[in-house]
Amino acid sequence: MAYPSAAEVIEALAADIGDTVYIDVAKWHLYLKDTPLHKTLAERFYPMVTDSNLSETGVVEILQSIPVKLGGGRRSLPLSDLIPIQCQVDLLDLLERHRSGL
């Protein structure tokens, strides 16, 4: 059985994150596939998924560590503040599915 390469896993993870996770601004949903953030998240979550080191705390810490500039860079908020809680739960479920698929 051939195991997928790191690049293949990250690409699949980025695609799923992009289709599932969104930023909510005034009930307007910006899916991460329309931003470069889905790739950044996939690269950051890859070690957690492959090392079976996946936890809600770890996911939230990664989301908190990614600043998102708003208003042309005048303000910056952590990504965790822009993604609704249910979307964060969906993200954790998605990561668990990827982990079990490896």
PDB file of N, CA and C in Angstrom:
ATOM      1  N   MET A   1       0.844  -1.182   0.000  1.00  0.00           N
ATOM      2  CA  MET A   1       0.000   0.000   0.000  1.00  0.00           C
ATOM      3  C   MET A   1       0.888   1.244   0.000  1.00  0.00           C
ATOM      4  N   ALA A   2       0.656   2.127  -0.933  1.00  0.00           N
ATOM      5  CA  ALA A   2       1.431   3.360  -1.018  1.00  0.00           C
ATOM      6  C   ALA A   2       0.804   4.419  -0.121  1.00  0.00           C
ATOM      7  N   TYR A   3       1.654   5.043   0.653  1.00  0.00           N
ATOM      8  CA  TYR A   3       1.182   6.111   1.524  1.00  0.00           C
ATOM      9  C   TYR A   3       1.248   7.436   0.766  1.00  0.00           C
ATOM     10  N   PRO A   4       0.295   8.319   1.003  1.00  0.00           N
ATOM     11  CA  PRO A   4       0.320   9.609   0.302  1.00  0.00           C
ATOM     12  C   PRO A   4       1.515  10.443   0.775  1.00  0.00           C
ATOM     13  N   SER A   5       2.047  11.242  -0.133  1.00  0.00           N
ATOM     14  CA  SER A   5       3.158  12.125   0.227  1.00  0.00           C
ATOM     15  C   SER A   5       2.632  13.280   1.077  1.00  0.00           C
ATOM     16  N   ALA A   6       3.566  13.964   1.725  1.00  0.00           N
ATOM     17  CA  ALA A   6       3.185  15.116   2.550  1.00  0.00           C
ATOM     18  C   ALA A   6       2.467  16.162   1.706  1.00  0.00           C
ATOM     19  N   ALA A   7       2.966  16.397   0.500  1.00  0.00           N
ATOM     20  CA  ALA A   7       2.350  17.404  -0.373  1.00  0.00           C
ATOM     21  C   ALA A   7       0.916  17.025  -0.722  1.00  0.00           C
ATOM     22  N   GLU A   8       0.665  15.738  -0.956  1.00  0.00           N
ATOM     23  CA  GLU A   8      -0.692  15.285  -1.287  1.00  0.00           C
ATOM     24  C   GLU A   8      -1.632  15.448  -0.099  1.00  0.00           C
ATOM     25  N   VAL A   9      -1.135  15.117   1.079  1.00  0.00           N
ATOM     26  CA  VAL A   9      -1.961  15.246   2.284  1.00  0.00           C
ATOM     27  C   VAL A   9      -2.281  16.717   2.542  1.00  0.00           C
ATOM     28  N   ILE A  10      -1.278  17.579   2.432  1.00  0.00           N
ATOM     29  CA  ILE A  10      -1.484  19.015   2.664  1.00  0.00           C
ATOM     30  C   ILE A  10      -2.450  19.588   1.635  1.00  0.00           C
ATOM     31  N   GLU A  11      -2.308  19.168   0.379  1.00  0.00           N
ATOM     32  CA  GLU A  11      -3.203  19.661  -0.676  1.00  0.00           C
ATOM     33  C   GLU A  11      -4.651  19.249  -0.410  1.00  0.00           C
ATOM     34  N   ALA A  12      -4.862  17.988  -0.030  1.00  0.00           N
ATOM     35  CA  ALA A  12      -6.217  17.508   0.265  1.00  0.00           C
ATOM     36  C   ALA A  12      -6.783  18.211   1.496  1.00  0.00           C
ATOM     37  N   LEU A  13      -5.940  18.383   2.492  1.00  0.00           N
ATOM     38  CA  LEU A  13      -6.354  19.068   3.714  1.00  0.00           C
ATOM     39  C   LEU A  13      -6.729  20.519   3.413  1.00  0.00           C
ATOM     40  N   ALA A  14      -5.916  21.201   2.617  1.00  0.00           N
ATOM     41  CA  ALA A  14      -6.195  22.597   2.251  1.00  0.00           C
ATOM     42  C   ALA A  14      -7.516  22.710   1.500  1.00  0.00           C
ATOM     43  N   ALA A  15      -7.771  21.775   0.585  1.00  0.00           N
ATOM     44  CA  ALA A  15      -9.022  21.812  -0.181  1.00  0.00           C
ATOM     45  C   ALA A  15     -10.228  21.657   0.744  1.00  0.00           C
ATOM     46  N   ASP A  16     -10.153  20.701   1.672  1.00  0.00           N
ATOM     47  CA  ASP A  16     -11.273  20.489   2.598  1.00  0.00           C
ATOM     48  C   ASP A  16     -11.460  21.677   3.543  1.00  0.00           C
ATOM     49  N   ILE A  17     -10.360  22.216   4.040  1.00  0.00           N
ATOM     50  CA  ILE A  17     -10.449  23.390   4.915  1.00  0.00           C
ATOM     51  C   ILE A  17     -11.079  24.551   4.155  1.00  0.00           C
ATOM     52  N   GLY A  18     -10.634  24.759   2.930  1.00  0.00           N
ATOM     53  CA  GLY A  18     -11.150  25.862   2.118  1.00  0.00           C
ATOM     54  C   GLY A  18     -12.631  25.765   1.836  1.00  0.00           C
ATOM     55  N   ASP A  19     -13.128  24.534   1.679  1.00  0.00           N
ATOM     56  CA  ASP A  19     -14.547  24.325   1.385  1.00  0.00           C
ATOM     57  C   ASP A  19     -15.429  24.338   2.632  1.00  0.00           C
ATOM     58  N   THR A  20     -14.840  24.137   3.808  1.00  0.00           N
ATOM     59  CA  THR A  20     -15.612  23.969   5.037  1.00  0.00           C
ATOM     60  C   THR A  20     -15.569  25.185   5.959  1.00  0.00           C
ATOM     61  N   VAL A  21     -14.409  25.786   6.089  1.00  0.00           N
ATOM     62  CA  VAL A  21     -14.190  26.833   7.088  1.00  0.00           C
ATOM     63  C   VAL A  21     -14.369  28.213   6.452  1.00  0.00           C
ATOM     64  N   TYR A  22     -15.035  29.090   7.189  1.00  0.00           N
ATOM     65  CA  TYR A  22     -15.235  30.450   6.685  1.00  0.00           C
ATOM     66  C   TYR A  22     -15.044  31.479   7.792  1.00  0.00           C
ATOM     67  N   ILE A  23     -14.763  32.685   7.356  1.00  0.00           N
ATOM     68  CA  ILE A  23     -14.704  33.848   8.229  1.00  0.00           C
ATOM     69  C   ILE A  23     -16.081  34.500   8.171  1.00  0.00           C
ATOM     70  N   ASP A  24     -16.611  34.853   9.331  1.00  0.00           N
ATOM     71  CA  ASP A  24     -17.937  35.470   9.404  1.00  0.00           C
ATOM     72  C   ASP A  24     -17.784  36.946   9.761  1.00  0.00           C
ATOM     73  N   VAL A  25     -18.190  37.808   8.836  1.00  0.00           N
ATOM     74  CA  VAL A  25     -18.178  39.250   9.074  1.00  0.00           C
ATOM     75  C   VAL A  25     -19.576  39.770   8.762  1.00  0.00           C
ATOM     76  N   ALA A  26     -20.291  40.187   9.799  1.00  0.00           N
ATOM     77  CA  ALA A  26     -21.648  40.723   9.643  1.00  0.00           C
ATOM     78  C   ALA A  26     -22.547  39.760   8.860  1.00  0.00           C
ATOM     79  N   LYS A  27     -22.469  38.477   9.218  1.00  0.00           N
ATOM     80  CA  LYS A  27     -23.253  37.397   8.598  1.00  0.00           C
ATOM     81  C   LYS A  27     -22.874  37.161   7.130  1.00  0.00           C
ATOM     82  N   TRP A  28     -21.739  37.685   6.727  1.00  0.00           N
ATOM     83  CA  TRP A  28     -21.212  37.460   5.387  1.00  0.00           C
ATOM     84  C   TRP A  28     -20.109  36.418   5.527  1.00  0.00           C
ATOM     85  N   HIS A  29     -20.191  35.331   4.768  1.00  0.00           N
ATOM     86  CA  HIS A  29     -19.262  34.217   4.902  1.00  0.00           C
ATOM     87  C   HIS A  29     -18.212  34.249   3.803  1.00  0.00           C
ATOM     88  N   LEU A  30     -16.970  34.405   4.202  1.00  0.00           N
ATOM     89  CA  LEU A  30     -15.839  34.345   3.286  1.00  0.00           C
ATOM     90  C   LEU A  30     -15.145  33.011   3.515  1.00  0.00           C
ATOM     91  N   TYR A  31     -15.364  32.077   2.587  1.00  0.00           N
ATOM     92  CA  TYR A  31     -14.746  30.758   2.722  1.00  0.00           C
ATOM     93  C   TYR A  31     -13.245  30.874   2.517  1.00  0.00           C
ATOM     94  N   LEU A  32     -12.504  30.092   3.285  1.00  0.00           N
ATOM     95  CA  LEU A  32     -11.056  30.207   3.250  1.00  0.00           C
ATOM     96  C   LEU A  32     -10.460  29.790   1.914  1.00  0.00           C
ATOM     97  N   LYS A  33     -11.216  29.064   1.078  1.00  0.00           N
ATOM     98  CA  LYS A  33     -10.708  28.722  -0.254  1.00  0.00           C
ATOM     99  C   LYS A  33     -10.520  29.978  -1.097  1.00  0.00           C
ATOM    100  N   ASP A  34     -11.179  31.058  -0.727  1.00  0.00           N
ATOM    101  CA  ASP A  34     -11.061  32.321  -1.444  1.00  0.00           C
ATOM    102  C   ASP A  34      -9.969  33.214  -0.853  1.00  0.00           C
ATOM    103  N   THR A  35      -9.183  32.661   0.044  1.00  0.00           N
ATOM    104  CA  THR A  35      -8.067  33.368   0.675  1.00  0.00           C
ATOM    105  C   THR A  35      -6.857  32.427   0.658  1.00  0.00           C
ATOM    106  N   PRO A  36      -5.681  32.922   0.962  1.00  0.00           N
ATOM    107  CA  PRO A  36      -4.529  32.012   1.076  1.00  0.00           C
ATOM    108  C   PRO A  36      -4.484  31.288   2.425  1.00  0.00           C
ATOM    109  N   LEU A  37      -5.432  31.565   3.302  1.00  0.00           N
ATOM    110  CA  LEU A  37      -5.396  31.009   4.653  1.00  0.00           C
ATOM    111  C   LEU A  37      -5.600  29.499   4.698  1.00  0.00           C
ATOM    112  N   HIS A  38      -6.343  28.915   3.751  1.00  0.00           N
ATOM    113  CA  HIS A  38      -6.570  27.468   3.793  1.00  0.00           C
ATOM    114  C   HIS A  38      -5.264  26.704   3.625  1.00  0.00           C
ATOM    115  N   LYS A  39      -4.355  27.219   2.824  1.00  0.00           N
ATOM    116  CA  LYS A  39      -3.050  26.569   2.634  1.00  0.00           C
ATOM    117  C   LYS A  39      -2.188  26.724   3.884  1.00  0.00           C
ATOM    118  N   THR A  40      -2.214  27.907   4.461  1.00  0.00           N
ATOM    119  CA  THR A  40      -1.457  28.152   5.693  1.00  0.00           C
ATOM    120  C   THR A  40      -1.922  27.216   6.798  1.00  0.00           C
ATOM    121  N   LEU A  41      -3.237  27.090   6.952  1.00  0.00           N
ATOM    122  CA  LEU A  41      -3.775  26.206   7.990  1.00  0.00           C
ATOM    123  C   LEU A  41      -3.409  24.753   7.723  1.00  0.00           C
ATOM    124  N   ALA A  42      -3.515  24.317   6.487  1.00  0.00           N
ATOM    125  CA  ALA A  42      -3.176  22.929   6.152  1.00  0.00           C
ATOM    126  C   ALA A  42      -1.721  22.630   6.513  1.00  0.00           C
ATOM    127  N   GLU A  43      -0.830  23.555   6.214  1.00  0.00           N
ATOM    128  CA  GLU A  43       0.586  23.358   6.544  1.00  0.00           C
ATOM    129  C   GLU A  43       0.802  23.315   8.052  1.00  0.00           C
ATOM    130  N   ARG A  44       0.067  24.127   8.783  1.00  0.00           N
ATOM    131  CA  ARG A  44       0.216  24.153  10.245  1.00  0.00           C
ATOM    132  C   ARG A  44      -0.414  22.925  10.903  1.00  0.00           C
ATOM    133  N   PHE A  45      -1.532  22.450  10.340  1.00  0.00           N
ATOM    134  CA  PHE A  45      -2.215  21.302  10.939  1.00  0.00           C
ATOM    135  C   PHE A  45      -1.611  19.965  10.519  1.00  0.00           C
ATOM    136  N   TYR A  46      -0.861  19.943   9.447  1.00  0.00           N
ATOM    137  CA  TYR A  46      -0.292  18.687   8.937  1.00  0.00           C
ATOM    138  C   TYR A  46       0.439  17.889  10.023  1.00  0.00           C
ATOM    139  N   PRO A  47       1.354  18.496  10.805  1.00  0.00           N
ATOM    140  CA  PRO A  47       2.031  17.700  11.842  1.00  0.00           C
ATOM    141  C   PRO A  47       1.068  17.126  12.883  1.00  0.00           C
ATOM    142  N   MET A  48       0.036  17.876  13.224  1.00  0.00           N
ATOM    143  CA  MET A  48      -0.935  17.382  14.207  1.00  0.00           C
ATOM    144  C   MET A  48      -1.686  16.174  13.665  1.00  0.00           C
ATOM    145  N   VAL A  49      -2.011  16.218  12.392  1.00  0.00           N
ATOM    146  CA  VAL A  49      -2.785  15.141  11.773  1.00  0.00           C
ATOM    147  C   VAL A  49      -1.930  13.889  11.621  1.00  0.00           C
ATOM    148  N   THR A  50      -0.702  14.042  11.183  1.00  0.00           N
ATOM    149  CA  THR A  50       0.141  12.874  10.909  1.00  0.00           C
ATOM    150  C   THR A  50       0.771  12.286  12.160  1.00  0.00           C
ATOM    151  N   ASP A  51       0.960  13.079  13.200  1.00  0.00           N
ATOM    152  CA  ASP A  51       1.576  12.574  14.429  1.00  0.00           C
ATOM    153  C   ASP A  51       0.543  12.136  15.460  1.00  0.00           C
ATOM    154  N   SER A  52      -0.722  12.127  15.087  1.00  0.00           N
ATOM    155  CA  SER A  52      -1.807  11.778  16.013  1.00  0.00           C
ATOM    156  C   SER A  52      -1.756  12.639  17.269  1.00  0.00           C
ATOM    157  N   ASN A  53      -1.405  13.888  17.090  1.00  0.00           N
ATOM    158  CA  ASN A  53      -1.300  14.827  18.195  1.00  0.00           C
ATOM    159  C   ASN A  53      -2.396  15.885  18.088  1.00  0.00           C
ATOM    160  N   LEU A  54      -3.578  15.460  17.689  1.00  0.00           N
ATOM    161  CA  LEU A  54      -4.677  16.378  17.416  1.00  0.00           C
ATOM    162  C   LEU A  54      -5.487  16.633  18.682  1.00  0.00           C
ATOM    163  N   SER A  55      -5.670  17.916  19.003  1.00  0.00           N
ATOM    164  CA  SER A  55      -6.481  18.278  20.163  1.00  0.00           C
ATOM    165  C   SER A  55      -7.187  19.594  19.884  1.00  0.00           C
ATOM    166  N   GLU A  56      -8.296  19.788  20.561  1.00  0.00           N
ATOM    167  CA  GLU A  56      -9.040  21.036  20.413  1.00  0.00           C
ATOM    168  C   GLU A  56      -8.174  22.223  20.828  1.00  0.00           C
ATOM    169  N   THR A  57      -7.433  22.055  21.907  1.00  0.00           N
ATOM    170  CA  THR A  57      -6.558  23.122  22.385  1.00  0.00           C
ATOM    171  C   THR A  57      -5.509  23.481  21.341  1.00  0.00           C
ATOM    172  N   GLY A  58      -4.915  22.472  20.722  1.00  0.00           N
ATOM    173  CA  GLY A  58      -3.910  22.714  19.693  1.00  0.00           C
ATOM    174  C   GLY A  58      -4.477  23.433  18.489  1.00  0.00           C
ATOM    175  N   VAL A  59      -5.687  23.052  18.090  1.00  0.00           N
ATOM    176  CA  VAL A  59      -6.345  23.693  16.950  1.00  0.00           C
ATOM    177  C   VAL A  59      -6.614  25.163  17.268  1.00  0.00           C
ATOM    178  N   VAL A  60      -7.145  25.438  18.441  1.00  0.00           N
ATOM    179  CA  VAL A  60      -7.445  26.822  18.836  1.00  0.00           C
ATOM    180  C   VAL A  60      -6.158  27.644  18.923  1.00  0.00           C
ATOM    181  N   GLU A  61      -5.093  27.057  19.450  1.00  0.00           N
ATOM    182  CA  GLU A  61      -3.817  27.778  19.541  1.00  0.00           C
ATOM    183  C   GLU A  61      -3.306  28.174  18.161  1.00  0.00           C
ATOM    184  N   ILE A  62      -3.434  27.278  17.192  1.00  0.00           N
ATOM    185  CA  ILE A  62      -3.005  27.607  15.832  1.00  0.00           C
ATOM    186  C   ILE A  62      -3.874  28.722  15.266  1.00  0.00           C
ATOM    187  N   LEU A  63      -5.186  28.631  15.450  1.00  0.00           N
ATOM    188  CA  LEU A  63      -6.076  29.684  14.947  1.00  0.00           C
ATOM    189  C   LEU A  63      -5.765  31.028  15.601  1.00  0.00           C
ATOM    190  N   GLN A  64      -5.430  31.003  16.886  1.00  0.00           N
ATOM    191  CA  GLN A  64      -5.105  32.243  17.596  1.00  0.00           C
ATOM    192  C   GLN A  64      -3.774  32.833  17.143  1.00  0.00           C
ATOM    193  N   SER A  65      -2.890  31.994  16.633  1.00  0.00           N
ATOM    194  CA  SER A  65      -1.550  32.461  16.263  1.00  0.00           C
ATOM    195  C   SER A  65      -1.485  33.087  14.873  1.00  0.00           C
ATOM    196  N   ILE A  66      -2.581  33.042  14.131  1.00  0.00           N
ATOM    197  CA  ILE A  66      -2.588  33.571  12.766  1.00  0.00           C
ATOM    198  C   ILE A  66      -3.319  34.911  12.756  1.00  0.00           C
ATOM    199  N   PRO A  67      -2.569  36.014  12.584  1.00  0.00           N
ATOM    200  CA  PRO A  67      -3.213  37.328  12.533  1.00  0.00           C
ATOM    201  C   PRO A  67      -3.838  37.576  11.164  1.00  0.00           C
ATOM    202  N   VAL A  68      -5.011  38.186  11.177  1.00  0.00           N
ATOM    203  CA  VAL A  68      -5.699  38.558   9.935  1.00  0.00           C
ATOM    204  C   VAL A  68      -5.820  40.076   9.934  1.00  0.00           C
ATOM    205  N   LYS A  69      -5.224  40.686   8.926  1.00  0.00           N
ATOM    206  CA  LYS A  69      -5.264  42.147   8.827  1.00  0.00           C
ATOM    207  C   LYS A  69      -6.585  42.588   8.217  1.00  0.00           C
ATOM    208  N   LEU A  70      -7.165  43.614   8.810  1.00  0.00           N
ATOM    209  CA  LEU A  70      -8.441  44.163   8.354  1.00  0.00           C
ATOM    210  C   LEU A  70      -8.267  45.646   8.043  1.00  0.00           C
ATOM    211  N   GLY A  71      -9.127  46.145   7.173  1.00  0.00           N
ATOM    212  CA  GLY A  71      -9.111  47.574   6.870  1.00  0.00           C
ATOM    213  C   GLY A  71      -7.794  48.041   6.289  1.00  0.00           C
ATOM    214  N   GLY A  72      -7.246  47.259   5.373  1.00  0.00           N
ATOM    215  CA  GLY A  72      -5.981  47.653   4.761  1.00  0.00           C
ATOM    216  C   GLY A  72      -4.807  47.573   5.720  1.00  0.00           C
ATOM    217  N   GLY A  73      -4.944  46.738   6.748  1.00  0.00           N
ATOM    218  CA  GLY A  73      -3.864  46.560   7.705  1.00  0.00           C
ATOM    219  C   GLY A  73      -3.931  47.468   8.914  1.00  0.00           C
ATOM    220  N   ARG A  74      -4.985  48.278   9.006  1.00  0.00           N
ATOM    221  CA  ARG A  74      -5.109  49.187  10.152  1.00  0.00           C
ATOM    222  C   ARG A  74      -5.387  48.430  11.444  1.00  0.00           C
ATOM    223  N   ARG A  75      -6.045  47.295  11.332  1.00  0.00           N
ATOM    224  CA  ARG A  75      -6.341  46.460  12.499  1.00  0.00           C
ATOM    225  C   ARG A  75      -5.965  45.022  12.174  1.00  0.00           C
ATOM    226  N   SER A  76      -5.738  44.271  13.218  1.00  0.00           N
ATOM    227  CA  SER A  76      -5.410  42.861  13.057  1.00  0.00           C
ATOM    228  C   SER A  76      -6.116  42.073  14.156  1.00  0.00           C
ATOM    229  N   LEU A  77      -6.739  40.974  13.770  1.00  0.00           N
ATOM    230  CA  LEU A  77      -7.415  40.095  14.728  1.00  0.00           C
ATOM    231  C   LEU A  77      -6.915  38.673  14.528  1.00  0.00           C
ATOM    232  N   PRO A  78      -6.895  37.881  15.595  1.00  0.00           N
ATOM    233  CA  PRO A  78      -6.538  36.475  15.412  1.00  0.00           C
ATOM    234  C   PRO A  78      -7.633  35.765  14.609  1.00  0.00           C
ATOM    235  N   LEU A  79      -7.225  34.834  13.789  1.00  0.00           N
ATOM    236  CA  LEU A  79      -8.173  34.092  12.962  1.00  0.00           C
ATOM    237  C   LEU A  79      -9.256  33.439  13.815  1.00  0.00           C
ATOM    238  N   SER A  80      -8.909  33.017  15.015  1.00  0.00           N
ATOM    239  CA  SER A  80      -9.891  32.374  15.901  1.00  0.00           C
ATOM    240  C   SER A  80     -11.073  33.289  16.217  1.00  0.00           C
ATOM    241  N   ASP A  81     -10.862  34.600  16.206  1.00  0.00           N
ATOM    242  CA  ASP A  81     -11.943  35.550  16.490  1.00  0.00           C
ATOM    243  C   ASP A  81     -12.889  35.733  15.310  1.00  0.00           C
ATOM    244  N   LEU A  82     -12.477  35.314  14.137  1.00  0.00           N
ATOM    245  CA  LEU A  82     -13.272  35.529  12.925  1.00  0.00           C
ATOM    246  C   LEU A  82     -14.007  34.281  12.452  1.00  0.00           C
ATOM    247  N   ILE A  83     -13.633  33.132  12.993  1.00  0.00           N
ATOM    248  CA  ILE A  83     -14.270  31.870  12.603  1.00  0.00           C
ATOM    249  C   ILE A  83     -15.282  31.491  13.683  1.00  0.00           C
ATOM    250  N   PRO A  84     -16.559  31.314  13.310  1.00  0.00           N
ATOM    251  CA  PRO A  84     -17.578  30.948  14.301  1.00  0.00           C
ATOM    252  C   PRO A  84     -17.231  29.633  15.015  1.00  0.00           C
ATOM    253  N   ILE A  85     -17.725  29.491  16.229  1.00  0.00           N
ATOM    254  CA  ILE A  85     -17.450  28.306  17.039  1.00  0.00           C
ATOM    255  C   ILE A  85     -17.857  27.029  16.307  1.00  0.00           C
ATOM    256  N   GLN A  86     -19.041  26.999  15.702  1.00  0.00           N
ATOM    257  CA  GLN A  86     -19.480  25.790  15.000  1.00  0.00           C
ATOM    258  C   GLN A  86     -18.529  25.448  13.860  1.00  0.00           C
ATOM    259  N   CYS A  87     -18.004  26.447  13.216  1.00  0.00           N
ATOM    260  CA  CYS A  87     -17.043  26.241  12.131  1.00  0.00           C
ATOM    261  C   CYS A  87     -15.738  25.658  12.697  1.00  0.00           C
ATOM    262  N   GLN A  88     -15.355  26.076  13.894  1.00  0.00           N
ATOM    263  CA  GLN A  88     -14.162  25.522  14.531  1.00  0.00           C
ATOM    264  C   GLN A  88     -14.388  24.053  14.890  1.00  0.00           C
ATOM    265  N   VAL A  89     -15.599  23.722  15.319  1.00  0.00           N
ATOM    266  CA  VAL A  89     -15.945  22.324  15.598  1.00  0.00           C
ATOM    267  C   VAL A  89     -15.886  21.510  14.308  1.00  0.00           C
ATOM    268  N   ASP A  90     -16.428  22.066  13.230  1.00  0.00           N
ATOM    269  CA  ASP A  90     -16.376  21.394  11.927  1.00  0.00           C
ATOM    270  C   ASP A  90     -14.934  21.190  11.478  1.00  0.00           C
ATOM    271  N   LEU A  91     -14.076  22.160  11.758  1.00  0.00           N
ATOM    272  CA  LEU A  91     -12.659  22.047  11.411  1.00  0.00           C
ATOM    273  C   LEU A  91     -12.017  20.901  12.178  1.00  0.00           C
ATOM    274  N   LEU A  92     -12.290  20.795  13.453  1.00  0.00           N
ATOM    275  CA  LEU A  92     -11.733  19.705  14.257  1.00  0.00           C
ATOM    276  C   LEU A  92     -12.221  18.356  13.736  1.00  0.00           C
ATOM    277  N   ASP A  93     -13.498  18.248  13.393  1.00  0.00           N
ATOM    278  CA  ASP A  93     -14.037  17.008  12.815  1.00  0.00           C
ATOM    279  C   ASP A  93     -13.339  16.672  11.505  1.00  0.00           C
ATOM    280  N   LEU A  94     -13.133  17.676  10.680  1.00  0.00           N
ATOM    281  CA  LEU A  94     -12.457  17.493   9.395  1.00  0.00           C
ATOM    282  C   LEU A  94     -11.033  16.975   9.615  1.00  0.00           C
ATOM    283  N   LEU A  95     -10.324  17.550  10.568  1.00  0.00           N
ATOM    284  CA  LEU A  95      -8.958  17.115  10.852  1.00  0.00           C
ATOM    285  C   LEU A  95      -8.939  15.682  11.373  1.00  0.00           C
ATOM    286  N   GLU A  96      -9.917  15.322  12.194  1.00  0.00           N
ATOM    287  CA  GLU A  96     -10.004  13.948  12.701  1.00  0.00           C
ATOM    288  C   GLU A  96     -10.276  12.963  11.572  1.00  0.00           C
ATOM    289  N   ARG A  97     -11.109  13.350  10.609  1.00  0.00           N
ATOM    290  CA  ARG A  97     -11.367  12.479   9.449  1.00  0.00           C
ATOM    291  C   ARG A  97     -10.092  12.271   8.635  1.00  0.00           C
ATOM    292  N   HIS A  98      -9.337  13.330   8.455  1.00  0.00           N
ATOM    293  CA  HIS A  98      -8.078  13.203   7.710  1.00  0.00           C
ATOM    294  C   HIS A  98      -7.092  12.318   8.467  1.00  0.00           C
ATOM    295  N   ARG A  99      -7.048  12.470   9.774  1.00  0.00           N
ATOM    296  CA  ARG A  99      -6.134  11.648  10.573  1.00  0.00           C
ATOM    297  C   ARG A  99      -6.505  10.175  10.469  1.00  0.00           C
ATOM    298  N   SER A 100      -7.783   9.876  10.547  1.00  0.00           N
ATOM    299  CA  SER A 100      -8.199   8.468  10.471  1.00  0.00           C
ATOM    300  C   SER A 100      -8.039   7.902   9.066  1.00  0.00           C
ATOM    301  N   GLY A 101      -7.959   8.783   8.061  1.00  0.00           N
ATOM    302  CA  GLY A 101      -7.784   8.329   6.683  1.00  0.00           C
ATOM    303  C   GLY A 101      -6.345   8.037   6.306  1.00  0.00           C
ATOM    304  N   LEU A 102      -5.404   8.358   7.186  1.00  0.00           N
ATOM    305  CA  LEU A 102      -3.982   8.116   6.878  1.00  0.00           C
ATOM    306  C   LEU A 102      -3.558   6.715   7.242  1.00  0.00           C
TER     307      LEU A 102
END
